[in-house]
Structures are given as C-alpha cells and as structure tokens.
Amino acid sequence: MDTLGKITESLPDTDEANTSSSSIRPTVCTSQRVSPTVRQRNFVTQTHDAALHFQILDLGRQYYIWVSAVGPKLGSLYLAIKTPADKTPAVASLMTMNAAGDEGPAMAQRLALKLGKPVVCSCNLPQNAPLLQAVAERRLMQELQAMEMEAAEHQHQQPGQEEQRERQRLGGDGGNGSLG
C-alpha cells in the first residue's frame, strides 16, 4: 500500500498537467456510431444433389455464415479477414472438425474478399462436390446483396428515427430539443 501512495503522490495535479508542455495529454478517439443491430437470414435451397441449408448473421462489421448439405451440423469454423500485408484475406481455424478436403477456408477467403468485411464461415458440404460448392457460394452472394440493399433502403427511409427513439429512451420529449 505504501508503494501505491508514493506513486499517487508523484503524479502531477490536474492544473499542473494542463500547464506543462511536457505532460502527456489524453488522446480522444472518435468513431462513427454503430447501431447494435443483427440481421439474420435462414433459408434452404434445393439442388439436384442435395438441400443446402444456410444461416447468415450480419453483425454490422462482420458476417457469420453457415452452409450445410448434411443437416443441422456445424462443421469446421474459419475466420477470414483482409490484411494490409496481402491481397488475399488471411484465414484462421477457430474450430476444426474434419479438415480433410474442407472447402471452408477457401470459401471464407472468397467471401471476405468479395464483401470487404471479416467472415466467420462454417461450410459443411460433401467433399469433391465443386458444383454444389459453387451453387452454395452463388446463392450466398445473392442473399447477402439482397440484405445489403434492404439495409440501405431501411436507413434512407427512416432518417432521424433512431435519434428520436434514443431521446425517448433517455427520457426526452421525443424531438423538440428539450430534455426530460
């Protein structure tokens, strides 16, 4: 406890820190406000070979994507993210189930490259079925583009409504500028 007291005593007062040119000034970070929304899509596409089950979670700054042709089973899980060091997104294995012939890393890379966001991907498709994998990826991109268009339309249709809801939640009067 004596050590902590000595450290606090050696710190400058607030007024001294503001007048000193050699003091450390705190950096204020500002970022764009992100609404905590999650958009989800679950759908099934029937092909000649199998029924493809999909789940897409748009988490705002990243996507979680699950594709399966063998029912409700989670396969290996991969994270693909673009880096400044390479044009090809880096891939990390988050959970490995059956890595032999797994299409998950390549699909996660392609989706991260196309979407420009990090992608967590679980691809549970049969091995040696490149046509089924291509159909799954094409269907995913169609659905993701539709989700992006819907999100853009939703933002343009209701400008300012989120701010009004936030004011009401905080106890304001709903928009005339006075507080609670």
Protein backbone atom coordinates (compact mmCIF):
# COMPACT_ATOMS: atom_id res chain seq x y z
CA MET A 1 0.00 0.00 0.00
CA ASP A 2 2.92 2.36 0.66
CA THR A 3 4.12 1.91 -2.91
CA LEU A 4 0.74 2.93 -4.29
CA GLY A 5 0.73 6.01 -2.09
CA LYS A 6 4.20 7.03 -3.33
CA ILE A 7 3.13 6.62 -6.96
CA THR A 8 -0.01 8.73 -6.48
CA GLU A 9 1.94 11.44 -4.68
CA SER A 10 4.41 11.67 -7.54
CA LEU A 11 1.66 12.27 -10.09
CA PRO A 12 1.10 15.93 -11.01
CA ASP A 13 -2.12 17.69 -10.12
CA THR A 14 -4.61 18.30 -12.93
CA ASP A 15 -3.76 22.03 -13.13
CA GLU A 16 -0.03 21.31 -13.29
CA ALA A 17 -0.52 18.74 -16.05
CA ASN A 18 -2.50 21.18 -18.17
CA THR A 19 0.14 23.95 -17.95
CA SER A 20 3.17 21.77 -18.50
CA SER A 21 4.24 21.40 -22.11
CA SER A 22 5.95 18.07 -21.49
CA SER A 23 2.92 16.39 -19.90
CA ILE A 24 1.10 13.56 -21.56
CA ARG A 25 -2.22 14.63 -22.96
CA PRO A 26 -5.02 12.10 -23.34
CA THR A 27 -5.99 11.22 -26.87
CA VAL A 28 -9.67 11.44 -27.61
CA CYS A 29 -10.82 8.80 -30.06
CA THR A 30 -13.97 9.37 -32.00
CA SER A 31 -15.64 6.78 -34.14
CA GLN A 32 -18.77 6.55 -36.15
CA ARG A 33 -21.68 5.42 -34.02
CA VAL A 34 -22.71 1.89 -34.89
CA SER A 35 -26.23 0.73 -34.21
CA PRO A 36 -26.21 -2.57 -32.35
CA THR A 37 -28.32 -4.46 -34.83
CA VAL A 38 -28.01 -8.02 -36.04
CA ARG A 39 -29.71 -9.10 -39.20
CA GLN A 40 -30.33 -12.80 -39.74
CA ARG A 41 -31.39 -14.94 -42.66
CA ASN A 42 -32.15 -18.66 -42.60
CA PHE A 43 -33.11 -20.37 -45.83
CA VAL A 44 -32.90 -23.64 -47.76
CA THR A 45 -32.09 -24.05 -51.43
CA GLN A 46 -32.92 -27.32 -53.17
CA THR A 47 -30.49 -28.52 -55.84
CA HIS A 48 -30.37 -31.73 -57.87
CA ASP A 49 -27.80 -33.18 -55.50
CA ALA A 50 -28.93 -32.02 -52.06
CA ALA A 51 -30.78 -29.48 -49.97
CA LEU A 52 -28.45 -26.65 -48.95
CA HIS A 53 -29.19 -25.09 -45.55
CA PHE A 54 -27.96 -21.54 -44.91
CA GLN A 55 -27.73 -19.18 -41.99
CA ILE A 56 -26.35 -15.66 -42.36
CA LEU A 57 -25.79 -13.28 -39.48
CA ASP A 58 -24.83 -9.74 -40.41
CA LEU A 59 -23.18 -8.41 -37.26
CA GLY A 60 -22.54 -4.96 -38.73
CA ARG A 61 -18.79 -5.13 -39.15
CA GLN A 62 -18.52 -8.86 -39.89
CA TYR A 63 -20.55 -11.81 -41.12
CA TYR A 64 -21.18 -15.24 -39.68
CA ILE A 65 -22.11 -17.73 -42.40
CA TRP A 66 -23.13 -21.37 -42.03
CA VAL A 67 -23.74 -23.64 -45.02
CA SER A 68 -24.62 -27.32 -44.76
CA ALA A 69 -25.80 -30.06 -47.07
CA VAL A 70 -25.86 -32.70 -44.33
CA GLY A 71 -28.45 -31.24 -41.98
CA PRO A 72 -28.07 -29.16 -38.83
CA LYS A 73 -24.44 -29.95 -38.11
CA LEU A 74 -21.72 -27.41 -37.51
CA GLY A 75 -18.57 -28.19 -39.43
CA SER A 76 -15.18 -26.59 -39.09
CA LEU A 77 -15.27 -22.88 -38.34
CA TYR A 78 -12.91 -20.41 -40.04
CA LEU A 79 -12.29 -16.68 -39.81
CA ALA A 80 -11.12 -14.85 -42.92
CA ILE A 81 -10.06 -11.20 -42.69
CA LYS A 82 -8.38 -8.81 -45.10
CA THR A 83 -4.97 -7.55 -44.04
CA PRO A 84 -2.88 -4.69 -45.39
CA ALA A 85 0.03 -7.09 -45.94
CA ASP A 86 -1.65 -9.26 -48.59
CA LYS A 87 -4.45 -9.03 -51.14
CA THR A 88 -5.68 -12.49 -50.18
CA PRO A 89 -7.52 -12.49 -46.84
CA ALA A 90 -5.81 -14.34 -44.00
CA VAL A 91 -7.62 -17.40 -42.64
CA ALA A 92 -7.59 -18.80 -39.11
CA SER A 93 -9.16 -22.04 -37.98
CA LEU A 94 -11.40 -21.39 -34.98
CA MET A 95 -12.75 -24.91 -34.64
CA THR A 96 -11.67 -27.94 -36.65
CA MET A 97 -13.98 -30.92 -37.05
CA ASN A 98 -12.93 -32.73 -40.22
CA ALA A 99 -10.27 -30.77 -42.10
CA ALA A 100 -9.67 -33.30 -44.90
CA GLY A 101 -10.94 -31.75 -48.14
CA ASP A 102 -12.69 -28.93 -46.28
CA GLU A 103 -13.91 -26.12 -48.52
CA GLY A 104 -14.44 -23.75 -45.55
CA PRO A 105 -11.13 -21.84 -45.63
CA ALA A 106 -11.32 -21.12 -49.36
CA MET A 107 -14.98 -20.10 -49.18
CA ALA A 108 -14.30 -17.84 -46.20
CA GLN A 109 -11.43 -16.19 -48.10
CA ARG A 110 -13.50 -15.61 -51.23
CA LEU A 111 -16.43 -14.20 -49.26
CA ALA A 112 -14.20 -11.88 -47.20
CA LEU A 113 -12.60 -10.64 -50.42
CA LYS A 114 -15.97 -10.02 -52.12
CA LEU A 115 -17.68 -8.49 -49.07
CA GLY A 116 -14.79 -6.43 -47.75
CA LYS A 117 -15.59 -7.50 -44.17
CA PRO A 118 -14.33 -10.27 -41.90
CA VAL A 119 -16.21 -13.53 -42.39
CA VAL A 120 -16.65 -16.37 -39.91
CA CYS A 121 -17.64 -19.34 -42.05
CA SER A 122 -18.70 -22.93 -41.41
CA CYS A 123 -19.03 -24.89 -44.62
CA ASN A 124 -20.33 -28.43 -44.18
CA LEU A 125 -20.54 -29.68 -47.76
CA PRO A 126 -19.56 -33.07 -49.20
CA GLN A 127 -16.01 -33.46 -50.44
CA ASN A 128 -15.37 -33.48 -54.18
CA ALA A 129 -18.57 -31.59 -54.99
CA PRO A 130 -17.29 -28.40 -56.65
CA LEU A 131 -20.59 -27.73 -58.42
CA LEU A 132 -22.50 -27.87 -55.14
CA GLN A 133 -19.94 -25.54 -53.56
CA ALA A 134 -20.28 -23.08 -56.45
CA VAL A 135 -24.09 -23.14 -56.19
CA ALA A 136 -23.86 -22.53 -52.44
CA GLU A 137 -21.48 -19.60 -52.84
CA ARG A 138 -23.53 -18.02 -55.63
CA ARG A 139 -26.73 -18.33 -53.55
CA LEU A 140 -24.95 -16.82 -50.54
CA MET A 141 -23.83 -13.81 -52.57
CA GLN A 142 -27.38 -13.26 -53.90
CA GLU A 143 -28.78 -13.28 -50.38
CA LEU A 144 -26.01 -11.07 -48.98
CA GLN A 145 -26.54 -8.50 -51.74
CA ALA A 146 -30.29 -8.51 -51.02
CA MET A 147 -29.59 -7.99 -47.30
CA GLU A 148 -27.28 -5.04 -48.07
CA MET A 149 -29.91 -3.44 -50.32
CA GLU A 150 -32.59 -3.84 -47.65
CA ALA A 151 -30.32 -2.29 -45.03
CA ALA A 152 -29.56 0.67 -47.29
CA GLU A 153 -33.27 1.20 -48.03
CA HIS A 154 -34.10 1.00 -44.33
CA GLN A 155 -31.51 3.67 -43.50
CA HIS A 156 -32.74 6.03 -46.25
CA GLN A 157 -36.44 5.63 -45.41
CA GLN A 158 -36.15 6.50 -41.74
CA PRO A 159 -33.59 9.27 -41.25
CA GLY A 160 -33.53 10.59 -37.72
CA GLN A 161 -35.89 7.99 -36.33
CA GLU A 162 -33.11 6.25 -34.40
CA GLU A 163 -32.18 9.55 -32.74
CA GLN A 164 -35.81 10.11 -31.75
CA ARG A 165 -36.03 6.62 -30.24
CA GLU A 166 -32.80 7.22 -28.32
CA ARG A 167 -34.13 10.53 -26.93
CA GLN A 168 -37.37 8.86 -25.87
CA ARG A 169 -35.44 6.03 -24.26
CA LEU A 170 -33.34 8.51 -22.29
CA GLY A 171 -36.46 10.37 -21.08
CA GLY A 172 -36.63 13.17 -23.61
CA ASP A 173 -39.81 14.53 -25.12
CA GLY A 174 -39.36 12.86 -28.50
CA GLY A 175 -37.76 15.52 -30.59
CA ASN A 176 -38.39 19.19 -29.74
CA GLY A 177 -34.95 19.60 -28.24
CA SER A 178 -35.77 19.95 -24.55
CA LEU A 179 -34.58 17.38 -22.09
CA GLY A 180 -36.68 15.36 -19.72
